[in-house]
N, C-alpha and C. Protein backbone atom coordinates (compact mmCIF):
# COMPACT_ATOMS: atom_id res chain seq x y z
N UNK A 1 84.20 110.75 73.66
CA UNK A 1 85.52 110.65 73.07
C UNK A 1 86.33 109.58 73.80
N UNK A 2 86.90 108.68 73.05
CA UNK A 2 87.69 107.61 73.63
C UNK A 2 89.07 108.14 74.02
N UNK A 3 89.51 107.80 75.21
CA UNK A 3 90.81 108.21 75.70
C UNK A 3 91.87 107.23 75.21
N UNK A 4 93.02 107.75 74.81
CA UNK A 4 94.12 106.94 74.31
C UNK A 4 95.12 106.70 75.43
N UNK A 5 95.41 105.44 75.68
CA UNK A 5 96.40 105.07 76.70
C UNK A 5 97.78 105.54 76.25
N UNK A 6 98.49 106.21 77.16
CA UNK A 6 99.81 106.75 76.85
C UNK A 6 100.90 105.69 77.01
N UNK A 7 101.95 105.83 76.23
CA UNK A 7 103.11 104.95 76.36
C UNK A 7 103.90 105.35 77.60
N UNK A 8 104.76 104.47 78.06
CA UNK A 8 105.61 104.78 79.22
C UNK A 8 106.47 106.01 78.93
N UNK A 9 106.95 106.11 77.71
CA UNK A 9 107.76 107.28 77.32
C UNK A 9 106.94 108.56 77.40
N UNK A 10 105.71 108.55 76.90
CA UNK A 10 104.85 109.73 76.99
C UNK A 10 104.52 110.08 78.43
N UNK A 11 104.29 109.05 79.26
CA UNK A 11 104.01 109.28 80.68
C UNK A 11 105.21 109.94 81.34
N UNK A 12 106.40 109.41 81.08
CA UNK A 12 107.63 109.96 81.67
C UNK A 12 107.83 111.41 81.26
N UNK A 13 107.60 111.72 80.00
CA UNK A 13 107.74 113.10 79.52
C UNK A 13 106.73 114.03 80.19
N UNK A 14 105.49 113.58 80.32
CA UNK A 14 104.46 114.40 80.94
C UNK A 14 104.70 114.59 82.43
N UNK A 15 105.29 113.60 83.09
CA UNK A 15 105.55 113.72 84.53
C UNK A 15 106.57 114.81 84.85
N UNK A 16 107.39 115.16 83.89
CA UNK A 16 108.39 116.22 84.12
C UNK A 16 107.72 117.55 84.46
N UNK A 17 106.46 117.71 84.04
CA UNK A 17 105.74 118.94 84.29
C UNK A 17 105.00 118.94 85.63
N UNK A 18 105.00 117.80 86.33
CA UNK A 18 104.23 117.67 87.58
C UNK A 18 105.16 117.31 88.73
N UNK A 19 105.33 118.24 89.65
CA UNK A 19 106.20 118.01 90.80
C UNK A 19 105.59 116.97 91.74
N UNK A 20 106.39 115.97 92.10
CA UNK A 20 105.98 115.00 93.11
C UNK A 20 105.19 113.81 92.60
N UNK A 21 104.78 113.84 91.35
CA UNK A 21 104.04 112.71 90.79
C UNK A 21 105.01 111.69 90.22
N UNK A 22 104.63 110.42 90.31
CA UNK A 22 105.46 109.36 89.72
C UNK A 22 104.54 108.30 89.09
N UNK A 23 105.14 107.50 88.25
CA UNK A 23 104.41 106.43 87.57
C UNK A 23 104.64 105.13 88.33
N UNK A 24 103.57 104.41 88.63
CA UNK A 24 103.66 103.09 89.26
C UNK A 24 103.28 102.07 88.19
N UNK A 25 104.27 101.43 87.58
CA UNK A 25 103.97 100.49 86.50
C UNK A 25 103.21 99.26 86.96
N UNK A 26 103.34 98.89 88.23
CA UNK A 26 102.63 97.69 88.71
C UNK A 26 101.12 97.91 88.77
N UNK A 27 100.70 99.17 88.99
CA UNK A 27 99.27 99.50 89.03
C UNK A 27 98.83 100.29 87.81
N UNK A 28 99.81 100.65 86.97
CA UNK A 28 99.54 101.45 85.77
C UNK A 28 98.81 102.74 86.13
N UNK A 29 99.39 103.46 87.12
CA UNK A 29 98.81 104.71 87.61
C UNK A 29 99.90 105.77 87.74
N UNK A 30 99.48 107.02 87.74
CA UNK A 30 100.37 108.08 88.22
C UNK A 30 99.88 108.40 89.62
N UNK A 31 100.83 108.68 90.51
CA UNK A 31 100.50 108.82 91.93
C UNK A 31 101.26 109.97 92.57
N UNK A 32 100.63 110.50 93.61
CA UNK A 32 101.29 111.51 94.44
C UNK A 32 100.72 111.42 95.84
N UNK A 33 101.59 111.59 96.82
CA UNK A 33 101.16 111.63 98.22
C UNK A 33 101.33 113.05 98.75
N UNK A 34 100.33 113.46 99.50
CA UNK A 34 100.33 114.78 100.14
C UNK A 34 100.25 114.55 101.64
N UNK A 35 101.10 115.19 102.40
CA UNK A 35 101.01 115.14 103.85
C UNK A 35 100.35 116.43 104.32
N UNK A 36 99.21 116.29 104.94
CA UNK A 36 98.42 117.42 105.39
C UNK A 36 98.73 117.73 106.86
N UNK A 37 98.15 118.80 107.39
CA UNK A 37 98.43 119.21 108.77
C UNK A 37 97.95 118.20 109.80
N UNK A 38 96.77 117.66 109.56
CA UNK A 38 96.16 116.74 110.52
C UNK A 38 95.05 115.96 109.80
N UNK A 39 94.34 115.14 110.54
CA UNK A 39 93.28 114.31 109.95
C UNK A 39 92.18 115.15 109.32
N UNK A 40 91.74 116.18 110.03
CA UNK A 40 90.65 117.02 109.51
C UNK A 40 91.08 117.69 108.21
N UNK A 41 92.31 118.18 108.14
CA UNK A 41 92.80 118.82 106.93
C UNK A 41 92.91 117.80 105.78
N UNK A 42 93.31 116.58 106.09
CA UNK A 42 93.40 115.53 105.07
C UNK A 42 92.03 115.22 104.49
N UNK A 43 91.03 115.10 105.35
CA UNK A 43 89.67 114.82 104.88
C UNK A 43 89.12 116.01 104.09
N UNK A 44 89.41 117.22 104.52
CA UNK A 44 88.98 118.41 103.78
C UNK A 44 89.61 118.46 102.39
N UNK A 45 90.87 118.06 102.30
CA UNK A 45 91.55 118.01 101.01
C UNK A 45 90.85 117.01 100.09
N UNK A 46 90.51 115.86 100.61
CA UNK A 46 89.79 114.85 99.82
C UNK A 46 88.44 115.41 99.36
N UNK A 47 87.74 116.08 100.26
CA UNK A 47 86.44 116.66 99.91
C UNK A 47 86.58 117.74 98.84
N UNK A 48 87.70 118.44 98.82
CA UNK A 48 87.93 119.47 97.80
C UNK A 48 88.17 118.85 96.43
N UNK A 49 88.62 117.61 96.40
CA UNK A 49 88.85 116.90 95.13
C UNK A 49 87.52 116.47 94.50
N UNK A 50 86.53 116.20 95.32
CA UNK A 50 85.25 115.65 94.84
C UNK A 50 84.63 116.48 93.72
N UNK A 51 84.44 117.80 93.88
CA UNK A 51 83.79 118.54 92.79
C UNK A 51 84.64 118.59 91.51
N UNK A 52 85.94 118.58 91.66
CA UNK A 52 86.82 118.56 90.49
C UNK A 52 86.67 117.24 89.74
N UNK A 53 86.66 116.14 90.49
CA UNK A 53 86.50 114.81 89.88
C UNK A 53 85.14 114.70 89.21
N UNK A 54 84.11 115.21 89.84
CA UNK A 54 82.77 115.16 89.27
C UNK A 54 82.69 116.00 88.00
N UNK A 55 83.24 117.20 88.05
CA UNK A 55 83.22 118.10 86.89
C UNK A 55 83.90 117.44 85.68
N UNK A 56 84.99 116.73 85.94
CA UNK A 56 85.75 116.08 84.87
C UNK A 56 85.24 114.68 84.55
N UNK A 57 84.26 114.20 85.31
CA UNK A 57 83.77 112.83 85.17
C UNK A 57 84.95 111.84 85.15
N UNK A 58 85.86 112.07 86.10
CA UNK A 58 87.08 111.25 86.19
C UNK A 58 87.41 111.13 87.68
N UNK A 59 87.36 109.94 88.21
CA UNK A 59 87.42 109.74 89.65
C UNK A 59 88.68 109.00 90.06
N UNK A 60 89.50 109.63 90.89
CA UNK A 60 90.75 109.01 91.31
C UNK A 60 90.52 107.97 92.41
N UNK A 61 91.48 107.09 92.54
CA UNK A 61 91.55 106.24 93.73
C UNK A 61 92.27 107.08 94.77
N UNK A 62 91.76 107.10 95.99
CA UNK A 62 92.32 107.92 97.06
C UNK A 62 92.53 107.06 98.29
N UNK A 63 93.71 107.18 98.88
CA UNK A 63 94.05 106.45 100.09
C UNK A 63 94.40 107.45 101.18
N UNK A 64 93.72 107.37 102.31
CA UNK A 64 94.05 108.17 103.48
C UNK A 64 94.72 107.23 104.47
N UNK A 65 95.97 107.52 104.81
CA UNK A 65 96.70 106.66 105.72
C UNK A 65 97.50 107.51 106.71
N UNK A 66 97.93 106.88 107.76
CA UNK A 66 98.77 107.55 108.75
C UNK A 66 98.12 108.85 109.23
N UNK A 67 96.84 108.89 109.28
CA UNK A 67 95.91 109.92 109.73
C UNK A 67 95.98 111.25 108.98
N UNK A 68 97.08 111.53 108.24
CA UNK A 68 97.15 112.81 107.52
C UNK A 68 97.83 112.71 106.16
N UNK A 69 98.08 111.50 105.69
CA UNK A 69 98.73 111.30 104.39
C UNK A 69 97.66 110.89 103.37
N UNK A 70 97.53 111.67 102.30
CA UNK A 70 96.56 111.40 101.25
C UNK A 70 97.33 111.03 99.98
N UNK A 71 97.07 109.84 99.46
CA UNK A 71 97.70 109.40 98.23
C UNK A 71 96.65 109.35 97.13
N UNK A 72 96.95 110.03 96.04
CA UNK A 72 96.06 110.08 94.88
C UNK A 72 96.64 109.17 93.80
N UNK A 73 95.81 108.28 93.26
CA UNK A 73 96.23 107.36 92.22
C UNK A 73 95.31 107.55 91.02
N UNK A 74 95.90 107.91 89.88
CA UNK A 74 95.12 108.22 88.69
C UNK A 74 95.41 107.24 87.56
N UNK A 75 94.34 106.75 86.97
CA UNK A 75 94.39 105.88 85.81
C UNK A 75 93.02 105.96 85.14
N UNK A 76 93.00 105.84 83.84
CA UNK A 76 91.72 105.86 83.12
C UNK A 76 91.31 104.41 82.91
N UNK A 77 90.38 103.97 83.72
CA UNK A 77 89.99 102.55 83.72
C UNK A 77 89.50 102.09 82.36
N UNK A 78 88.74 102.93 81.67
CA UNK A 78 88.20 102.53 80.36
C UNK A 78 89.29 102.35 79.31
N UNK A 79 90.44 103.01 79.51
CA UNK A 79 91.56 102.88 78.56
C UNK A 79 92.58 101.85 79.04
N UNK A 80 92.42 101.37 80.26
CA UNK A 80 93.35 100.38 80.80
C UNK A 80 94.71 100.93 81.15
N UNK A 81 94.77 102.22 81.46
CA UNK A 81 96.05 102.82 81.83
C UNK A 81 95.96 104.32 81.91
N UNK A 82 97.12 104.95 81.88
CA UNK A 82 97.22 106.40 82.04
C UNK A 82 96.94 107.08 80.70
N UNK A 83 96.11 108.12 80.76
CA UNK A 83 95.79 108.93 79.58
C UNK A 83 96.03 110.40 79.90
N UNK A 84 95.85 111.24 78.89
CA UNK A 84 95.99 112.67 79.09
C UNK A 84 95.00 113.18 80.13
N UNK A 85 93.87 112.53 80.23
CA UNK A 85 92.84 112.90 81.21
C UNK A 85 93.39 112.83 82.64
N UNK A 86 94.26 111.86 82.90
CA UNK A 86 94.86 111.73 84.24
C UNK A 86 95.78 112.91 84.55
N UNK A 87 96.54 113.33 83.55
CA UNK A 87 97.43 114.47 83.76
C UNK A 87 96.64 115.77 83.96
N UNK A 88 95.54 115.91 83.26
CA UNK A 88 94.69 117.09 83.44
C UNK A 88 94.14 117.14 84.86
N UNK A 89 93.68 115.99 85.36
CA UNK A 89 93.14 115.95 86.72
C UNK A 89 94.25 116.18 87.75
N UNK A 90 95.43 115.62 87.51
CA UNK A 90 96.56 115.81 88.42
C UNK A 90 96.90 117.31 88.55
N UNK A 91 96.91 118.02 87.43
CA UNK A 91 97.19 119.46 87.48
C UNK A 91 96.14 120.21 88.30
N UNK A 92 94.89 119.82 88.12
CA UNK A 92 93.82 120.48 88.88
C UNK A 92 93.93 120.18 90.38
N UNK A 93 94.27 118.96 90.72
CA UNK A 93 94.42 118.58 92.14
C UNK A 93 95.59 119.34 92.75
N UNK A 94 96.69 119.48 92.00
CA UNK A 94 97.86 120.23 92.51
C UNK A 94 97.51 121.67 92.83
N UNK A 95 96.56 122.25 92.15
CA UNK A 95 96.17 123.64 92.42
C UNK A 95 95.54 123.79 93.80
N UNK A 96 95.07 122.68 94.40
CA UNK A 96 94.44 122.72 95.72
C UNK A 96 95.46 122.89 96.85
N UNK A 97 96.69 122.61 96.57
CA UNK A 97 97.70 122.66 97.63
C UNK A 97 97.69 124.01 98.29
């Protein structure tokens, strides 16, 4: 099934349902940063995302910085932007908190 790229208006409306997520128009992604307890907890959080991403066949860009800050960047590469698939994955990642 081909994913449909969402308009900025649709992205903005969908973001209202997700605490802490924002749209980065320069990268055409939705993003959220999580500050974990320490480095080990940050890496464990990333590892917990792996099976979810695999199950959904949708893989986020992940940045680990400042030893405990994990930034998740979601975009559907095949659609060239944000799709409903990104919001579904964002909701699943938020459940890990």
